[in-house]
N, C-alpha and C. Protein backbone atom coordinates (compact mmCIF):
# COMPACT_ATOMS: atom_id res chain seq x y z
N MET A 1 3.63 36.24 -25.55
CA MET A 1 1.99 35.88 -25.63
C MET A 1 1.27 36.87 -26.62
N SER A 2 0.72 36.07 -27.71
CA SER A 2 -0.08 36.83 -28.45
C SER A 2 -1.26 37.28 -27.96
N SER A 3 -1.84 38.49 -28.47
CA SER A 3 -3.28 39.00 -27.81
C SER A 3 -4.31 38.11 -27.72
N GLU A 4 -4.75 37.24 -28.78
CA GLU A 4 -5.54 36.44 -28.70
C GLU A 4 -5.31 35.10 -27.53
N LEU A 5 -4.14 34.63 -27.61
CA LEU A 5 -3.93 33.93 -26.51
C LEU A 5 -4.02 34.62 -25.10
N ALA A 6 -3.56 35.76 -25.05
CA ALA A 6 -3.60 36.55 -23.50
C ALA A 6 -5.37 36.67 -23.37
N SER A 7 -6.27 36.76 -24.29
CA SER A 7 -7.51 37.15 -24.15
C SER A 7 -7.93 35.48 -23.88
N LEU A 8 -7.72 34.67 -24.46
CA LEU A 8 -8.25 33.16 -24.07
C LEU A 8 -7.67 32.98 -22.60
N MET A 9 -6.49 33.21 -22.22
CA MET A 9 -6.33 32.85 -20.87
C MET A 9 -7.20 33.77 -20.07
N ALA A 10 -7.29 35.23 -20.22
CA ALA A 10 -7.86 36.15 -19.38
C ALA A 10 -9.23 35.40 -19.13
N LEU A 11 -10.25 34.86 -20.37
CA LEU A 11 -11.45 34.18 -20.38
C LEU A 11 -11.30 33.25 -19.41
N LEU A 12 -10.48 32.17 -19.49
CA LEU A 12 -10.51 30.74 -18.93
C LEU A 12 -10.20 31.27 -17.25
N THR A 13 -9.34 32.18 -16.97
CA THR A 13 -9.06 32.40 -15.40
C THR A 13 -9.64 33.18 -14.74
N ALA A 14 -10.99 33.94 -15.20
CA ALA A 14 -11.93 34.93 -14.77
C ALA A 14 -12.68 34.15 -13.76
N ASP A 15 -13.08 34.91 -12.66
CA ASP A 15 -14.22 34.57 -11.78
C ASP A 15 -14.06 33.11 -11.32
N ASN A 16 -12.62 33.00 -10.77
CA ASN A 16 -12.49 31.56 -10.29
C ASN A 16 -12.64 30.17 -11.33
N TYR A 17 -12.03 30.55 -12.49
CA TYR A 17 -12.39 29.67 -13.50
C TYR A 17 -13.89 29.25 -13.89
N GLU A 18 -14.69 30.34 -14.09
CA GLU A 18 -16.01 30.18 -14.04
C GLU A 18 -16.31 29.49 -15.53
N VAL A 19 -15.52 29.92 -16.45
CA VAL A 19 -15.95 29.50 -18.11
C VAL A 19 -15.35 27.94 -17.78
N VAL A 20 -14.32 27.68 -17.19
CA VAL A 20 -14.01 26.33 -16.86
C VAL A 20 -15.06 25.43 -16.42
N SER A 21 -15.72 25.72 -15.59
CA SER A 21 -16.77 25.20 -14.66
C SER A 21 -17.86 24.94 -15.60
N ALA A 22 -18.03 26.12 -16.34
CA ALA A 22 -19.33 25.82 -17.36
C ALA A 22 -18.84 25.01 -18.66
N LEU A 23 -17.67 24.88 -19.02
CA LEU A 23 -17.28 23.87 -19.94
C LEU A 23 -17.62 22.33 -19.65
N ALA A 24 -16.99 22.28 -18.16
CA ALA A 24 -17.38 20.81 -17.65
C ALA A 24 -18.73 20.35 -17.51
N GLU A 25 -19.68 21.55 -17.37
CA GLU A 25 -20.91 21.21 -17.45
C GLU A 25 -21.66 20.61 -18.80
N CYS A 26 -20.86 21.11 -20.27
CA CYS A 26 -21.71 20.84 -21.15
C CYS A 26 -20.65 19.92 -21.96
N CYS A 27 -19.74 19.74 -21.74
CA CYS A 27 -18.73 18.84 -22.53
C CYS A 27 -19.21 17.62 -22.95
N ASP A 28 -19.31 17.12 -23.79
CA ASP A 28 -19.57 15.62 -24.17
C ASP A 28 -18.34 14.70 -23.90
N VAL A 29 -18.66 13.71 -23.26
CA VAL A 29 -17.78 12.75 -22.81
C VAL A 29 -16.94 12.35 -24.09
N SER A 30 -17.13 12.48 -25.36
CA SER A 30 -16.11 12.20 -26.43
C SER A 30 -14.86 13.29 -26.43
N GLU A 31 -15.52 14.38 -25.87
CA GLU A 31 -14.46 15.63 -26.08
C GLU A 31 -13.82 15.74 -24.67
N VAL A 32 -13.83 14.87 -23.54
CA VAL A 32 -13.26 15.27 -22.32
C VAL A 32 -11.70 15.13 -22.56
N GLU A 33 -11.16 14.10 -23.22
CA GLU A 33 -9.65 14.03 -23.24
C GLU A 33 -9.00 14.99 -23.72
N ALA A 34 -9.39 15.64 -25.12
CA ALA A 34 -9.03 16.52 -25.71
C ALA A 34 -8.90 17.81 -25.22
N LEU A 35 -10.02 18.16 -24.28
CA LEU A 35 -10.36 19.33 -23.63
C LEU A 35 -9.42 19.38 -22.36
N SER A 36 -9.34 18.29 -21.74
CA SER A 36 -8.29 18.16 -20.38
C SER A 36 -7.26 18.50 -20.90
N LYS A 37 -6.40 17.54 -21.90
CA LYS A 37 -4.92 17.99 -22.30
C LYS A 37 -4.87 19.45 -22.74
N ALA A 38 -6.04 20.17 -23.52
CA ALA A 38 -5.87 21.40 -24.02
C ALA A 38 -5.68 22.33 -22.77
N LEU A 39 -6.70 22.42 -21.90
CA LEU A 39 -6.45 22.94 -20.66
C LEU A 39 -5.28 23.03 -19.80
N LEU A 40 -4.69 21.81 -19.69
CA LEU A 40 -3.44 21.97 -19.12
C LEU A 40 -1.98 22.03 -19.80
N ASN A 41 -2.22 21.90 -20.96
CA ASN A 41 -1.17 22.75 -21.76
C ASN A 41 -0.98 24.01 -21.81
N LEU A 42 -2.30 24.73 -21.54
CA LEU A 42 -2.49 26.30 -21.67
C LEU A 42 -2.20 26.59 -20.42
N LEU A 43 -2.68 25.99 -19.50
CA LEU A 43 -2.53 26.61 -17.89
C LEU A 43 -1.06 26.30 -17.28
N SER A 44 -0.77 27.57 -16.49
CA SER A 44 0.54 27.19 -15.45
C SER A 44 0.60 26.26 -14.96
N ALA A 45 1.54 25.74 -14.05
CA ALA A 45 1.44 24.57 -12.91
C ALA A 45 0.41 25.05 -11.87
N ARG A 46 0.51 26.35 -11.42
CA ARG A 46 -0.41 26.85 -10.39
C ARG A 46 -1.90 26.89 -10.99
N GLN A 47 -2.19 27.63 -11.83
CA GLN A 47 -3.30 27.34 -12.57
C GLN A 47 -3.99 26.21 -12.89
N ALA A 48 -3.23 25.12 -13.37
CA ALA A 48 -3.59 23.88 -13.37
C ALA A 48 -3.97 23.29 -12.07
N THR A 49 -3.46 23.62 -10.94
CA THR A 49 -3.85 23.21 -9.39
C THR A 49 -5.15 23.61 -9.38
N GLU A 50 -5.04 25.04 -9.58
CA GLU A 50 -6.30 25.70 -9.15
C GLU A 50 -7.51 25.32 -10.08
N VAL A 51 -7.33 25.19 -11.29
CA VAL A 51 -8.60 24.62 -12.24
C VAL A 51 -8.96 23.02 -11.75
N ALA A 52 -7.93 22.35 -11.30
CA ALA A 52 -8.36 21.04 -10.67
C ALA A 52 -9.19 20.85 -9.66
N ALA A 53 -8.60 22.10 -8.45
CA ALA A 53 -9.52 22.25 -7.14
C ALA A 53 -11.02 22.80 -7.52
N ARG A 54 -10.87 23.64 -8.65
CA ARG A 54 -12.55 24.24 -8.78
C ARG A 54 -13.28 23.00 -9.53
N LEU A 55 -12.85 22.24 -10.19
CA LEU A 55 -13.53 21.15 -11.02
C LEU A 55 -13.68 20.04 -9.77
N LEU A 56 -12.94 19.84 -9.20
CA LEU A 56 -13.49 18.79 -7.92
C LEU A 56 -14.05 19.09 -6.96
N THR A 57 -14.23 20.59 -6.56
CA THR A 57 -15.21 21.12 -5.88
C THR A 57 -16.61 21.04 -6.42
N ASP A 58 -16.74 21.23 -7.88
CA ASP A 58 -18.00 21.15 -8.44
C ASP A 58 -18.42 19.72 -8.46
N GLU A 59 -17.72 18.92 -8.73
CA GLU A 59 -17.94 17.55 -8.59
C GLU A 59 -18.46 17.07 -7.52
N VAL A 60 -17.71 17.43 -6.28
CA VAL A 60 -18.45 16.99 -4.87
C VAL A 60 -19.69 17.67 -4.69
N LYS A 61 -20.11 18.98 -5.26
CA LYS A 61 -21.54 19.25 -4.75
C LYS A 61 -22.31 18.84 -5.70
N ARG A 62 -22.09 18.29 -7.25
CA ARG A 62 -22.95 17.97 -8.07
C ARG A 62 -23.66 16.44 -7.55
N HIS A 63 -22.39 15.81 -7.03
CA HIS A 63 -22.92 14.37 -6.32
C HIS A 63 -22.92 14.23 -4.99
N ALA A 64 -23.17 15.43 -4.53
CA ALA A 64 -23.40 15.42 -2.79
C ALA A 64 -24.43 14.23 -2.44
N ALA A 65 -25.45 14.28 -3.17
CA ALA A 65 -26.52 13.22 -2.58
C ALA A 65 -26.10 11.64 -2.87
N HIS A 66 -25.33 11.39 -3.78
CA HIS A 66 -24.96 10.29 -4.20
C HIS A 66 -23.26 10.17 -4.47
N PRO A 67 -22.73 10.30 -2.95
CA PRO A 67 -21.19 10.52 -3.08
C PRO A 67 -20.45 9.44 -3.92
N HIS A 68 -21.01 8.33 -3.75
CA HIS A 68 -20.27 7.07 -4.58
C HIS A 68 -20.04 7.32 -5.91
N GLN A 69 -20.79 8.25 -6.77
CA GLN A 69 -20.55 8.62 -7.97
C GLN A 69 -19.47 9.44 -8.39
N ILE A 70 -18.78 10.09 -6.98
CA ILE A 70 -17.80 11.19 -7.49
C ILE A 70 -16.69 10.42 -7.88
N LEU A 71 -16.08 11.22 -9.24
CA LEU A 71 -14.97 10.95 -9.94
C LEU A 71 -15.15 9.23 -10.36
N ARG A 72 -16.55 8.87 -10.58
CA ARG A 72 -16.83 7.65 -11.30
C ARG A 72 -16.90 7.65 -12.56
N SER A 73 -17.43 9.05 -13.31
CA SER A 73 -17.55 9.01 -14.68
C SER A 73 -16.36 9.65 -15.20
N GLN A 74 -16.61 9.42 -16.80
CA GLN A 74 -15.31 10.12 -17.31
C GLN A 74 -15.77 11.40 -17.68
N SER A 75 -15.73 12.30 -16.62
CA SER A 75 -15.96 13.97 -16.50
C SER A 75 -14.81 14.52 -16.93
N LEU A 76 -14.86 15.97 -17.16
CA LEU A 76 -13.67 16.58 -17.31
C LEU A 76 -13.12 16.80 -15.79
N ALA A 77 -13.59 16.79 -14.68
CA ALA A 77 -12.85 16.65 -13.47
C ALA A 77 -12.08 15.62 -13.26
N SER A 78 -12.73 14.35 -13.56
CA SER A 78 -11.93 12.93 -13.21
C SER A 78 -10.97 13.37 -14.27
N ARG A 79 -10.99 13.72 -15.48
CA ARG A 79 -9.99 13.27 -16.27
C ARG A 79 -8.72 14.57 -16.21
N VAL A 80 -9.34 15.68 -15.87
CA VAL A 80 -8.22 16.75 -15.21
C VAL A 80 -7.54 16.39 -14.42
N LEU A 81 -8.01 15.68 -13.37
CA LEU A 81 -7.53 15.37 -11.96
C LEU A 81 -6.40 14.15 -12.53
N ALA A 82 -6.82 13.09 -13.05
CA ALA A 82 -5.82 12.34 -13.66
C ALA A 82 -4.73 12.58 -14.36
N VAL A 83 -4.91 13.33 -15.37
CA VAL A 83 -3.62 14.08 -15.98
C VAL A 83 -2.69 14.69 -14.96
N HIS A 84 -3.51 15.97 -14.34
CA HIS A 84 -2.27 16.40 -13.42
C HIS A 84 -1.65 15.47 -12.72
N SER A 85 -2.40 14.66 -11.93
CA SER A 85 -1.50 13.86 -10.82
C SER A 85 -0.63 12.92 -11.57
N ARG A 86 -0.93 12.20 -12.93
CA ARG A 86 0.19 11.64 -13.75
C ARG A 86 1.47 12.69 -13.83
N ALA A 87 1.42 14.07 -14.29
CA ALA A 87 2.23 14.76 -14.60
C ALA A 87 3.16 15.07 -13.57
N VAL A 88 2.37 15.41 -12.16
CA VAL A 88 3.14 15.78 -11.16
C VAL A 88 3.59 14.76 -10.03
N GLY A 89 3.05 13.42 -10.00
CA GLY A 89 3.00 12.47 -9.11
C GLY A 89 4.09 11.21 -9.45
N GLY A 90 4.45 11.27 -10.77
CA GLY A 90 5.49 10.04 -11.44
C GLY A 90 6.65 9.90 -10.28
N ASP A 91 7.14 10.59 -9.86
CA ASP A 91 8.23 10.54 -8.83
C ASP A 91 7.87 9.82 -7.62
N PHE A 92 6.76 10.21 -7.14
CA PHE A 92 5.95 9.65 -6.06
C PHE A 92 5.64 8.04 -6.21
N LEU A 93 5.07 7.89 -7.24
CA LEU A 93 4.51 6.48 -7.69
C LEU A 93 5.72 5.49 -7.92
N ARG A 94 6.81 5.92 -8.41
CA ARG A 94 8.13 5.35 -8.60
C ARG A 94 8.67 4.89 -7.23
N ALA A 95 8.64 5.71 -6.38
CA ALA A 95 9.51 5.48 -5.13
C ALA A 95 8.52 4.88 -4.19
N THR A 96 7.36 4.99 -4.27
CA THR A 96 6.24 4.34 -3.78
C THR A 96 5.96 2.74 -3.89
N LEU A 97 5.51 2.86 -5.34
CA LEU A 97 5.13 1.47 -5.95
C LEU A 97 6.30 0.62 -6.50
N GLY A 98 7.33 1.23 -7.10
CA GLY A 98 8.37 0.73 -7.92
C GLY A 98 8.52 -0.81 -7.42
N ALA A 99 9.36 -0.77 -5.97
CA ALA A 99 9.80 -2.28 -5.63
C ALA A 99 8.84 -3.16 -5.42
N HIS A 100 7.60 -2.79 -5.22
CA HIS A 100 6.40 -3.72 -4.74
C HIS A 100 5.71 -4.45 -6.02
N VAL A 101 5.86 -3.54 -7.00
CA VAL A 101 5.07 -3.88 -8.28
C VAL A 101 6.28 -4.99 -8.91
N ARG A 102 7.50 -4.67 -8.88
CA ARG A 102 8.74 -5.52 -9.09
C ARG A 102 8.70 -6.85 -8.52
N GLY A 103 8.42 -6.59 -7.06
CA GLY A 103 8.36 -7.74 -6.34
C GLY A 103 7.21 -8.89 -6.77
N VAL A 104 5.86 -8.00 -6.76
CA VAL A 104 4.90 -9.05 -7.41
C VAL A 104 5.30 -9.67 -8.71
N LEU A 105 5.84 -8.95 -9.53
CA LEU A 105 6.30 -9.42 -10.92
C LEU A 105 7.26 -10.62 -10.88
N ALA A 106 8.03 -10.69 -9.87
CA ALA A 106 8.89 -11.43 -9.82
C ALA A 106 8.41 -12.91 -8.98
N GLU A 107 7.38 -12.45 -8.19
CA GLU A 107 6.62 -13.66 -7.32
C GLU A 107 5.80 -14.55 -8.53
N VAL A 108 5.24 -14.10 -9.35
CA VAL A 108 4.30 -14.73 -10.27
C VAL A 108 4.83 -15.26 -11.47
N GLY A 109 6.01 -14.61 -12.03
CA GLY A 109 6.94 -15.02 -13.04
C GLY A 109 5.85 -14.62 -14.30
N ALA A 110 6.57 -15.01 -15.35
CA ALA A 110 5.60 -14.63 -16.78
C ALA A 110 4.53 -14.92 -16.92
N ASP A 111 4.11 -16.34 -16.36
CA ASP A 111 2.87 -16.95 -16.90
C ASP A 111 1.91 -17.03 -15.69
N GLY A 112 2.31 -16.58 -14.39
CA GLY A 112 1.64 -17.01 -13.01
C GLY A 112 0.61 -15.72 -12.78
N ALA A 113 0.01 -16.04 -11.91
CA ALA A 113 -0.99 -15.00 -11.56
C ALA A 113 -1.60 -15.33 -10.09
N LEU A 114 -1.69 -14.34 -9.16
CA LEU A 114 -2.44 -14.44 -7.84
C LEU A 114 -3.78 -14.84 -7.76
N GLU A 115 -4.07 -15.80 -8.45
CA GLU A 115 -5.64 -15.95 -9.08
C GLU A 115 -6.55 -16.10 -7.49
N VAL A 116 -7.56 -15.52 -7.48
CA VAL A 116 -8.49 -15.66 -6.61
C VAL A 116 -9.97 -16.36 -6.83
N ASP A 117 -10.13 -16.43 -8.19
CA ASP A 117 -11.28 -17.08 -8.82
C ASP A 117 -11.13 -18.50 -9.05
N PRO A 118 -11.65 -19.28 -8.21
CA PRO A 118 -11.55 -20.80 -8.60
C PRO A 118 -11.82 -21.35 -10.23
N ALA A 119 -12.78 -20.59 -10.73
CA ALA A 119 -13.14 -20.81 -12.03
C ALA A 119 -12.15 -20.41 -13.03
N ARG A 120 -11.12 -19.46 -12.49
CA ARG A 120 -10.30 -19.00 -13.78
C ARG A 120 -8.86 -20.00 -13.48
N LEU A 121 -8.64 -20.94 -12.49
CA LEU A 121 -7.59 -21.79 -12.34
C LEU A 121 -7.79 -22.91 -13.72
N SER A 122 -7.01 -23.47 -13.96
CA SER A 122 -6.63 -24.09 -15.26
C SER A 122 -7.41 -25.30 -15.18
N SER A 123 -7.78 -26.11 -13.92
CA SER A 123 -8.69 -27.30 -13.49
C SER A 123 -9.84 -26.96 -13.19
N GLY A 124 -10.32 -25.67 -12.98
CA GLY A 124 -11.60 -25.56 -12.43
C GLY A 124 -11.52 -25.39 -10.90
N PRO A 125 -12.67 -25.47 -10.18
CA PRO A 125 -12.84 -25.63 -8.63
C PRO A 125 -12.57 -26.73 -8.11
N THR A 126 -11.56 -27.09 -7.53
CA THR A 126 -11.30 -28.42 -6.86
C THR A 126 -10.79 -28.19 -5.54
N GLU A 127 -10.36 -29.11 -5.03
CA GLU A 127 -10.12 -28.80 -3.32
C GLU A 127 -8.60 -28.37 -3.13
N SER A 128 -7.73 -28.79 -4.14
CA SER A 128 -6.46 -28.28 -4.36
C SER A 128 -6.34 -26.67 -4.85
N ASN A 129 -7.25 -26.58 -5.76
CA ASN A 129 -7.41 -24.99 -5.99
C ASN A 129 -7.86 -24.26 -5.19
N ALA A 130 -8.71 -24.90 -3.92
CA ALA A 130 -9.23 -23.99 -3.25
C ALA A 130 -8.10 -23.45 -2.01
N ALA A 131 -7.06 -24.75 -1.88
CA ALA A 131 -6.08 -24.38 -1.27
C ALA A 131 -5.17 -23.22 -1.87
N ALA A 132 -4.86 -23.35 -3.22
CA ALA A 132 -4.11 -22.18 -3.98
C ALA A 132 -4.94 -20.79 -3.80
N VAL A 133 -5.92 -21.00 -3.83
CA VAL A 133 -6.80 -19.70 -3.77
C VAL A 133 -6.52 -18.97 -2.49
N ASP A 134 -6.53 -19.78 -1.45
CA ASP A 134 -6.42 -19.38 -0.21
C ASP A 134 -4.72 -18.83 0.06
N ALA A 135 -3.85 -19.32 -0.60
CA ALA A 135 -2.41 -18.97 -0.56
C ALA A 135 -2.28 -17.89 -1.35
N ASN A 136 -3.14 -17.57 -2.53
CA ASN A 136 -3.08 -16.23 -3.36
C ASN A 136 -3.71 -15.09 -2.73
N VAL A 137 -4.78 -15.55 -1.70
CA VAL A 137 -5.49 -14.39 -1.07
C VAL A 137 -4.54 -13.75 0.06
N ALA A 138 -3.64 -14.41 0.63
CA ALA A 138 -2.71 -14.20 1.59
C ALA A 138 -1.71 -13.39 1.02
N SER A 139 -1.05 -13.84 -0.44
CA SER A 139 -0.12 -13.04 -1.06
C SER A 139 -0.68 -11.74 -1.28
N LEU A 140 -1.70 -11.81 -1.59
CA LEU A 140 -2.42 -10.38 -2.09
C LEU A 140 -2.26 -9.35 -1.04
N ARG A 141 -3.00 -10.17 0.28
CA ARG A 141 -3.08 -9.27 1.22
C ARG A 141 -1.52 -8.58 1.71
N ARG A 142 -0.82 -9.55 1.71
CA ARG A 142 0.74 -9.31 1.99
C ARG A 142 1.30 -7.84 1.35
N TRP A 143 0.97 -7.89 -0.28
CA TRP A 143 1.30 -6.97 -1.13
C TRP A 143 0.69 -5.58 -0.72
N ALA A 144 -0.78 -6.18 -0.60
CA ALA A 144 -1.36 -4.67 -0.50
C ALA A 144 -1.30 -4.10 1.12
N ASP A 145 -0.93 -4.64 2.01
CA ASP A 145 -0.24 -4.06 3.08
C ASP A 145 1.09 -3.59 3.10
N ALA A 146 1.90 -3.78 2.25
CA ALA A 146 3.26 -3.53 1.99
C ALA A 146 2.95 -1.95 1.25
N ILE A 147 2.29 -2.20 0.18
CA ILE A 147 1.86 -0.96 -0.43
C ILE A 147 1.22 0.20 0.29
N VAL A 148 0.02 -0.24 1.13
CA VAL A 148 -0.43 0.75 1.81
C VAL A 148 0.73 1.29 2.93
N GLY A 149 1.31 0.48 3.48
CA GLY A 149 2.10 1.09 4.43
C GLY A 149 3.45 1.90 4.02
N ALA A 150 3.52 1.80 2.63
CA ALA A 150 4.58 2.45 2.08
C ALA A 150 3.99 3.94 1.74
N LEU A 151 2.85 4.13 1.73
CA LEU A 151 2.13 5.37 1.30
C LEU A 151 2.44 6.67 2.40
N ASP A 152 3.12 7.55 1.90
CA ASP A 152 3.50 8.54 2.96
C ASP A 152 3.01 10.13 2.22
N ALA A 153 1.91 10.46 3.07
CA ALA A 153 1.25 11.84 2.49
C ALA A 153 2.21 12.75 2.65
N ASP A 154 3.27 12.87 3.28
CA ASP A 154 4.20 14.04 3.20
C ASP A 154 5.05 14.11 2.46
N ALA A 155 4.96 12.80 1.38
CA ALA A 155 5.96 12.68 0.41
C ALA A 155 5.24 12.93 -1.09
N LEU A 156 3.53 13.17 -1.08
CA LEU A 156 3.35 13.64 -2.13
C LEU A 156 3.26 14.96 -2.72
N PRO A 157 3.59 15.13 -3.94
CA PRO A 157 3.90 16.57 -4.70
C PRO A 157 3.09 17.51 -3.85
N PRO A 158 3.55 18.91 -3.65
CA PRO A 158 2.67 20.09 -2.94
C PRO A 158 1.29 20.08 -3.62
N SER A 159 1.18 20.12 -5.12
CA SER A 159 0.05 20.46 -5.70
C SER A 159 -1.09 19.51 -5.46
N MET A 160 -0.71 18.05 -5.14
CA MET A 160 -1.49 16.91 -4.85
C MET A 160 -1.93 17.26 -3.44
N ARG A 161 -0.92 17.48 -2.47
CA ARG A 161 -1.44 17.48 -1.09
C ARG A 161 -2.50 19.00 -0.98
N SER A 162 -2.16 19.94 -1.94
CA SER A 162 -3.14 21.18 -1.94
C SER A 162 -4.47 20.66 -2.43
N LEU A 163 -4.56 19.96 -3.44
CA LEU A 163 -5.94 19.22 -3.97
C LEU A 163 -6.61 18.45 -3.00
N CYS A 164 -6.05 17.73 -2.10
CA CYS A 164 -6.48 16.94 -0.89
C CYS A 164 -7.27 17.72 0.09
N ARG A 165 -6.61 18.96 0.17
CA ARG A 165 -7.01 19.69 1.19
C ARG A 165 -8.45 20.36 0.78
N SER A 166 -8.16 20.59 -0.72
CA SER A 166 -9.36 21.12 -1.37
C SER A 166 -10.54 20.22 -1.31
N PHE A 167 -10.37 19.03 -1.60
CA PHE A 167 -11.41 17.77 -1.69
C PHE A 167 -11.83 17.81 -0.35
N VAL A 168 -11.13 17.85 0.86
CA VAL A 168 -11.74 17.77 2.19
C VAL A 168 -12.60 18.78 2.65
N ALA A 169 -12.13 19.92 2.27
CA ALA A 169 -13.07 21.13 2.45
C ALA A 169 -14.23 21.04 1.69
N ALA A 170 -14.26 20.57 0.51
CA ALA A 170 -15.42 20.75 -0.22
C ALA A 170 -16.49 19.63 0.23
N GLY A 171 -15.84 18.48 0.69
CA GLY A 171 -16.63 17.42 1.07
C GLY A 171 -17.29 17.75 2.55
N ALA A 172 -16.44 18.31 3.40
CA ALA A 172 -16.95 18.91 4.56
C ALA A 172 -18.09 19.66 4.49
N ALA A 173 -17.95 20.71 3.44
CA ALA A 173 -19.31 21.65 3.28
C ALA A 173 -20.62 20.85 2.57
N CYS A 174 -20.28 19.77 2.04
CA CYS A 174 -21.63 18.97 1.73
C CYS A 174 -21.88 17.47 2.50
N ASP A 175 -20.97 17.54 3.60
CA ASP A 175 -21.49 16.28 4.51
C ASP A 175 -21.01 14.90 3.90
N VAL A 176 -20.02 15.06 2.96
CA VAL A 176 -19.36 14.12 2.13
C VAL A 176 -17.96 13.75 2.75
N HIS A 177 -17.74 12.44 3.27
CA HIS A 177 -16.31 12.39 4.03
C HIS A 177 -15.43 11.40 3.31
N ALA A 178 -15.63 10.96 2.00
CA ALA A 178 -14.84 10.03 1.32
C ALA A 178 -14.33 10.55 0.13
N PRO A 179 -14.08 11.77 -0.36
CA PRO A 179 -13.91 11.97 -1.76
C PRO A 179 -12.44 11.92 -1.97
N VAL A 180 -11.72 12.14 -1.06
CA VAL A 180 -10.01 12.05 -0.92
C VAL A 180 -9.62 10.63 -1.68
N GLY A 181 -10.30 9.77 -0.93
CA GLY A 181 -10.17 8.17 -1.34
C GLY A 181 -10.51 7.96 -2.87
N GLY A 182 -11.16 8.76 -3.28
CA GLY A 182 -11.64 8.50 -5.06
C GLY A 182 -10.71 9.33 -5.53
N TYR A 183 -10.08 10.25 -5.36
CA TYR A 183 -9.00 10.89 -5.78
C TYR A 183 -7.56 10.11 -5.95
N LEU A 184 -7.25 9.96 -4.64
CA LEU A 184 -5.86 9.31 -4.50
C LEU A 184 -5.79 8.13 -4.95
N VAL A 185 -6.96 6.78 -4.85
CA VAL A 185 -7.04 5.59 -5.03
C VAL A 185 -7.58 5.26 -6.49
N LEU A 186 -8.52 6.15 -6.69
CA LEU A 186 -9.47 5.68 -7.86
C LEU A 186 -8.69 6.41 -8.93
N ARG A 187 -8.19 7.54 -9.05
CA ARG A 187 -7.55 8.28 -10.36
C ARG A 187 -5.85 8.21 -10.14
N PHE A 188 -5.61 7.92 -8.92
CA PHE A 188 -3.93 7.83 -9.12
C PHE A 188 -3.18 6.62 -8.78
N LEU A 189 -3.26 5.85 -7.73
CA LEU A 189 -2.85 4.80 -7.48
C LEU A 189 -3.04 3.27 -8.19
N VAL A 190 -4.65 3.17 -8.01
CA VAL A 190 -5.10 2.31 -9.04
C VAL A 190 -4.85 1.86 -10.45
N PRO A 191 -5.07 3.17 -11.31
CA PRO A 191 -4.14 3.02 -12.39
C PRO A 191 -2.77 2.71 -12.65
N ALA A 192 -1.99 3.33 -11.82
CA ALA A 192 -0.48 2.96 -11.65
C ALA A 192 -0.43 1.60 -11.59
N LEU A 193 -1.01 1.08 -10.73
CA LEU A 193 -0.97 -0.65 -10.19
C LEU A 193 -1.26 -1.19 -11.47
N ALA A 194 -2.36 -1.10 -12.06
CA ALA A 194 -2.92 -2.08 -12.97
C ALA A 194 -2.12 -1.70 -14.47
N SER A 195 -1.40 -0.73 -14.74
CA SER A 195 -0.77 -0.21 -15.86
C SER A 195 0.34 0.55 -15.33
N PRO A 196 1.18 -0.16 -14.78
CA PRO A 196 2.60 0.40 -14.07
C PRO A 196 3.62 1.04 -15.43
N GLU A 197 3.42 0.31 -16.45
CA GLU A 197 4.44 1.01 -17.60
C GLU A 197 4.03 2.12 -18.14
N ALA A 198 2.90 2.49 -18.14
CA ALA A 198 2.19 3.86 -18.47
C ALA A 198 2.60 4.87 -17.50
N PHE A 199 2.87 4.84 -16.42
CA PHE A 199 3.48 5.74 -15.24
C PHE A 199 4.70 5.84 -14.73
N GLY A 200 5.48 4.94 -15.86
CA GLY A 200 6.97 4.80 -15.65
C GLY A 200 7.35 4.24 -14.24
N VAL A 201 6.52 3.29 -13.68
CA VAL A 201 6.77 2.47 -12.53
C VAL A 201 7.59 1.40 -13.00
N VAL A 202 7.54 0.40 -13.94
CA VAL A 202 8.22 -0.14 -14.71
C VAL A 202 8.39 0.13 -16.31
N ASP A 203 9.54 -0.45 -16.82
CA ASP A 203 9.81 -0.07 -17.98
C ASP A 203 9.37 -0.70 -19.14
N ALA A 204 8.67 -1.91 -18.99
CA ALA A 204 7.88 -2.78 -20.09
C ALA A 204 6.43 -3.30 -19.50
N PRO A 205 5.60 -3.51 -20.52
CA PRO A 205 4.25 -3.75 -19.96
C PRO A 205 4.43 -5.20 -19.52
N PRO A 206 3.57 -5.49 -18.10
CA PRO A 206 3.80 -6.85 -17.57
C PRO A 206 2.86 -7.95 -18.18
N PRO A 207 3.25 -9.15 -18.09
CA PRO A 207 2.74 -10.09 -18.80
C PRO A 207 1.30 -10.21 -18.52
N ALA A 208 0.17 -10.75 -19.47
CA ALA A 208 -1.20 -10.78 -18.88
C ALA A 208 -1.28 -11.25 -17.47
N GLY A 209 -0.85 -12.36 -17.22
CA GLY A 209 -0.99 -13.01 -15.77
C GLY A 209 -0.53 -11.95 -14.72
N ALA A 210 0.70 -11.68 -14.80
CA ALA A 210 1.13 -10.61 -14.00
C ALA A 210 0.23 -9.56 -13.59
N ARG A 211 -0.21 -8.82 -14.65
CA ARG A 211 -1.08 -7.69 -14.70
C ARG A 211 -2.28 -8.07 -14.01
N ARG A 212 -3.07 -9.28 -13.95
CA ARG A 212 -3.95 -9.77 -13.27
C ARG A 212 -3.89 -9.53 -11.91
N SER A 213 -2.48 -10.13 -11.59
CA SER A 213 -2.23 -10.13 -10.19
C SER A 213 -2.18 -8.45 -9.72
N LEU A 214 -1.45 -7.76 -10.52
CA LEU A 214 -1.72 -6.19 -10.18
C LEU A 214 -3.02 -5.84 -9.94
N VAL A 215 -3.96 -6.23 -10.90
CA VAL A 215 -5.37 -5.71 -10.93
C VAL A 215 -6.05 -6.03 -9.39
N LEU A 216 -5.87 -7.27 -9.32
CA LEU A 216 -6.29 -8.02 -8.08
C LEU A 216 -5.84 -7.03 -6.74
């Protein structure tokens, strides 16, 4: 490691990543993507988890009065957590979601969708479409139950379990009780369901109708 890189690493990791925390405060949204990738490329796996824990703790404190905003914006915290989770959680996603996503795609076919909005159906709101919507809602619930039932916290990568513990601790300190859901659901599971090809859950992008079913 060159002396310049060593100095940079020392600066980034000093005082429990205080400089990274400061960067998160002043980083423009247009710079979030590049900065998050640069940080995670520079840091070791352990350091990346520690940085993510520091940023998520800051995020919980920042939005303690309005917890529904935690990880909702394109902040450095949300992006680092998303990139880190994608990097370490691929095997978990493929094992957990793979069969279910393929099952949804097989059920709806190339042009179908488990549509729940009558206005989106080809002939508009009708009595028969209302029955179709009810059937689609039942199918979506069945698939959602299957996916939730497949989730196994013990199968999460150790670094992600560590981040969940940090999130619980940060939330408890601020009397906030739902941040883990924002992390695991909003920044990990939902993106993988909506774009399974980007996470290696399936090999090819789903057709538009099938993707609509996955989003629903």
